[in-house]
C-alpha cells in the first residue's frame, strides 16, 4: 500500500510470515555484528525514513517519509 499527500509518503509492507520480535533484533552496529552478512534492514529503514512502525505480530511495517517543500 502506498499513500501520498502534499506533506508525506507512506508505504505499508506486509508478508504472510509469522513476523518477528523487534526486541530480539541484534544491534548491527555492535562490534560482534559489524561483519555479519545480514541484519541491517531495521537500521536502514530508520535511517532513510522519518517514522517506522510495526503491527503487533511483526509481519507488517509502515514507513513514512516527510516531504520537504
N, C-alpha and C. Protein backbone atom coordinates (compact mmCIF):
# COMPACT_ATOMS: atom_id res chain seq x y z
N UNK A 1 0.86 -1.17 0.00
CA UNK A 1 0.00 0.00 0.00
C UNK A 1 0.90 1.23 0.00
N UNK A 2 0.56 2.19 -0.83
CA UNK A 2 1.28 3.46 -0.87
C UNK A 2 0.26 4.59 -0.73
N UNK A 3 0.60 5.57 0.09
CA UNK A 3 -0.25 6.75 0.24
C UNK A 3 0.64 7.98 0.13
N UNK A 4 0.18 8.92 -0.66
CA UNK A 4 0.93 10.15 -0.84
C UNK A 4 0.04 11.34 -0.52
N UNK A 5 0.63 12.33 0.12
CA UNK A 5 -0.06 13.59 0.35
C UNK A 5 0.93 14.70 0.01
N UNK A 6 0.51 15.92 0.19
CA UNK A 6 1.40 17.05 -0.08
C UNK A 6 2.61 17.05 0.86
N UNK A 7 2.44 16.45 2.06
CA UNK A 7 3.48 16.54 3.06
C UNK A 7 4.22 15.24 3.36
N UNK A 8 3.71 14.09 2.88
CA UNK A 8 4.38 12.84 3.22
C UNK A 8 4.07 11.72 2.22
N UNK A 9 4.91 10.70 2.29
CA UNK A 9 4.69 9.46 1.54
C UNK A 9 4.72 8.33 2.56
N UNK A 10 3.72 7.46 2.50
CA UNK A 10 3.63 6.34 3.44
C UNK A 10 3.56 5.04 2.66
N UNK A 11 4.35 4.07 3.12
CA UNK A 11 4.41 2.76 2.49
C UNK A 11 4.13 1.70 3.55
N UNK A 12 3.20 0.81 3.26
CA UNK A 12 2.88 -0.30 4.16
C UNK A 12 3.29 -1.59 3.46
N UNK A 13 4.15 -2.35 4.11
CA UNK A 13 4.68 -3.58 3.53
C UNK A 13 4.33 -4.72 4.49
N UNK A 14 3.69 -5.76 3.94
CA UNK A 14 3.24 -6.89 4.76
C UNK A 14 3.58 -8.19 4.05
N UNK A 15 3.87 -9.21 4.83
CA UNK A 15 4.04 -10.54 4.25
C UNK A 15 3.23 -11.55 5.06
N UNK A 16 3.21 -12.77 4.60
CA UNK A 16 2.40 -13.80 5.24
C UNK A 16 3.18 -14.56 6.31
N UNK A 17 4.39 -14.14 6.58
CA UNK A 17 5.21 -14.83 7.57
C UNK A 17 4.70 -14.67 8.99
N UNK A 18 5.36 -15.33 9.92
CA UNK A 18 4.94 -15.29 11.32
C UNK A 18 5.38 -14.01 12.02
N UNK A 19 6.17 -13.18 11.36
CA UNK A 19 6.63 -11.93 11.94
C UNK A 19 7.88 -12.13 12.78
N UNK A 20 8.25 -11.09 13.52
CA UNK A 20 9.44 -11.17 14.36
C UNK A 20 9.29 -10.24 15.55
N UNK A 21 10.10 -10.48 16.56
CA UNK A 21 10.10 -9.66 17.77
C UNK A 21 11.22 -8.64 17.63
N UNK A 22 10.87 -7.38 17.47
CA UNK A 22 11.88 -6.33 17.28
C UNK A 22 12.84 -6.23 18.45
N UNK A 23 12.38 -6.59 19.64
CA UNK A 23 13.24 -6.53 20.83
C UNK A 23 14.40 -7.52 20.74
N UNK A 24 14.27 -8.54 19.90
CA UNK A 24 15.31 -9.56 19.77
C UNK A 24 16.24 -9.31 18.59
N UNK A 25 16.05 -8.21 17.88
CA UNK A 25 16.91 -7.89 16.74
C UNK A 25 18.26 -7.39 17.27
N UNK A 26 19.33 -8.02 16.82
CA UNK A 26 20.67 -7.65 17.26
C UNK A 26 21.04 -6.26 16.74
N UNK A 27 21.83 -5.54 17.50
CA UNK A 27 22.31 -4.22 17.11
C UNK A 27 23.38 -4.39 16.03
N UNK A 28 23.09 -3.95 14.78
CA UNK A 28 24.06 -4.15 13.71
C UNK A 28 25.32 -3.31 13.86
N UNK A 29 25.31 -2.33 14.76
CA UNK A 29 26.49 -1.50 14.97
C UNK A 29 27.38 -2.03 16.10
N UNK A 30 26.93 -3.09 16.77
CA UNK A 30 27.75 -3.70 17.82
C UNK A 30 28.96 -4.38 17.18
N UNK A 31 30.07 -4.33 17.87
CA UNK A 31 31.33 -4.88 17.37
C UNK A 31 31.19 -6.29 16.80
N UNK A 32 30.48 -7.16 17.50
CA UNK A 32 30.36 -8.55 17.07
C UNK A 32 29.47 -8.74 15.84
N UNK A 33 28.72 -7.69 15.45
CA UNK A 33 27.81 -7.80 14.31
C UNK A 33 28.28 -7.03 13.07
N UNK A 34 29.39 -6.34 13.16
CA UNK A 34 29.84 -5.48 12.05
C UNK A 34 30.13 -6.25 10.76
N UNK A 35 30.56 -7.48 10.86
CA UNK A 35 30.87 -8.24 9.66
C UNK A 35 29.78 -9.23 9.28
N UNK A 36 28.66 -9.19 9.96
CA UNK A 36 27.54 -10.09 9.64
C UNK A 36 27.02 -9.80 8.24
N UNK A 37 26.60 -10.86 7.55
CA UNK A 37 26.10 -10.72 6.19
C UNK A 37 24.67 -10.21 6.13
N UNK A 38 23.98 -10.15 7.25
CA UNK A 38 22.60 -9.69 7.26
C UNK A 38 22.33 -8.94 8.57
N UNK A 39 21.11 -8.42 8.70
CA UNK A 39 20.72 -7.80 9.96
C UNK A 39 20.72 -6.28 9.97
N UNK A 40 20.72 -5.66 8.80
CA UNK A 40 20.75 -4.19 8.77
C UNK A 40 19.45 -3.55 8.28
N UNK A 41 18.44 -4.37 8.01
CA UNK A 41 17.20 -3.85 7.45
C UNK A 41 16.51 -2.81 8.31
N UNK A 42 16.37 -3.09 9.60
CA UNK A 42 15.70 -2.15 10.51
C UNK A 42 16.52 -0.87 10.61
N UNK A 43 17.84 -1.00 10.70
CA UNK A 43 18.72 0.16 10.75
C UNK A 43 18.53 1.05 9.52
N UNK A 44 18.47 0.46 8.34
CA UNK A 44 18.31 1.22 7.11
C UNK A 44 16.93 1.87 7.02
N UNK A 45 15.90 1.15 7.44
CA UNK A 45 14.56 1.75 7.43
C UNK A 45 14.52 2.99 8.31
N UNK A 46 15.12 2.91 9.49
CA UNK A 46 15.14 4.06 10.40
C UNK A 46 16.00 5.20 9.86
N UNK A 47 17.08 4.86 9.14
CA UNK A 47 17.99 5.88 8.63
C UNK A 47 17.38 6.69 7.49
N UNK A 48 16.55 6.04 6.66
CA UNK A 48 16.06 6.70 5.45
C UNK A 48 14.61 7.16 5.52
N UNK A 49 13.92 6.91 6.62
CA UNK A 49 12.55 7.38 6.76
C UNK A 49 12.41 8.19 8.04
N UNK A 50 11.29 8.87 8.17
CA UNK A 50 11.06 9.70 9.35
C UNK A 50 10.27 8.99 10.43
N UNK A 51 9.56 7.93 10.07
CA UNK A 51 8.80 7.15 11.05
C UNK A 51 8.71 5.71 10.59
N UNK A 52 8.90 4.78 11.54
CA UNK A 52 8.80 3.35 11.27
C UNK A 52 7.95 2.75 12.37
N UNK A 53 6.94 1.96 11.98
CA UNK A 53 6.13 1.27 12.99
C UNK A 53 5.75 -0.10 12.46
N UNK A 54 5.50 -1.03 13.38
CA UNK A 54 5.13 -2.40 13.04
C UNK A 54 3.80 -2.75 13.68
N UNK A 55 3.14 -3.75 13.09
CA UNK A 55 1.95 -4.29 13.75
C UNK A 55 2.42 -5.19 14.90
N UNK A 56 1.49 -5.65 15.72
CA UNK A 56 1.85 -6.44 16.90
C UNK A 56 2.55 -7.75 16.54
N UNK A 57 2.19 -8.35 15.43
CA UNK A 57 2.77 -9.63 15.03
C UNK A 57 4.19 -9.45 14.50
N UNK A 58 4.45 -8.32 13.86
CA UNK A 58 5.77 -8.08 13.29
C UNK A 58 5.90 -8.49 11.84
N UNK A 59 4.76 -8.69 11.17
CA UNK A 59 4.84 -9.05 9.75
C UNK A 59 4.35 -7.91 8.84
N UNK A 60 4.18 -6.72 9.42
CA UNK A 60 3.78 -5.55 8.64
C UNK A 60 4.52 -4.33 9.18
N UNK A 61 5.13 -3.60 8.29
CA UNK A 61 5.86 -2.39 8.66
C UNK A 61 5.26 -1.21 7.89
N UNK A 62 5.16 -0.08 8.57
CA UNK A 62 4.70 1.15 7.94
C UNK A 62 5.85 2.15 8.00
N UNK A 63 6.22 2.65 6.83
CA UNK A 63 7.31 3.62 6.69
C UNK A 63 6.74 4.93 6.21
N UNK A 64 7.12 6.02 6.86
CA UNK A 64 6.66 7.34 6.45
C UNK A 64 7.85 8.25 6.23
N UNK A 65 7.83 8.93 5.10
CA UNK A 65 8.85 9.91 4.76
C UNK A 65 8.18 11.27 4.61
N UNK A 66 8.62 12.22 5.39
CA UNK A 66 8.10 13.58 5.30
C UNK A 66 8.71 14.24 4.06
N UNK A 67 7.86 14.85 3.24
CA UNK A 67 8.31 15.51 2.02
C UNK A 67 8.54 16.99 2.33
N UNK A 68 9.71 17.45 2.03
CA UNK A 68 10.06 18.85 2.30
C UNK A 68 9.77 19.68 1.06
N UNK A 69 9.17 20.85 1.25
CA UNK A 69 8.85 21.70 0.08
C UNK A 69 10.06 22.24 -0.61
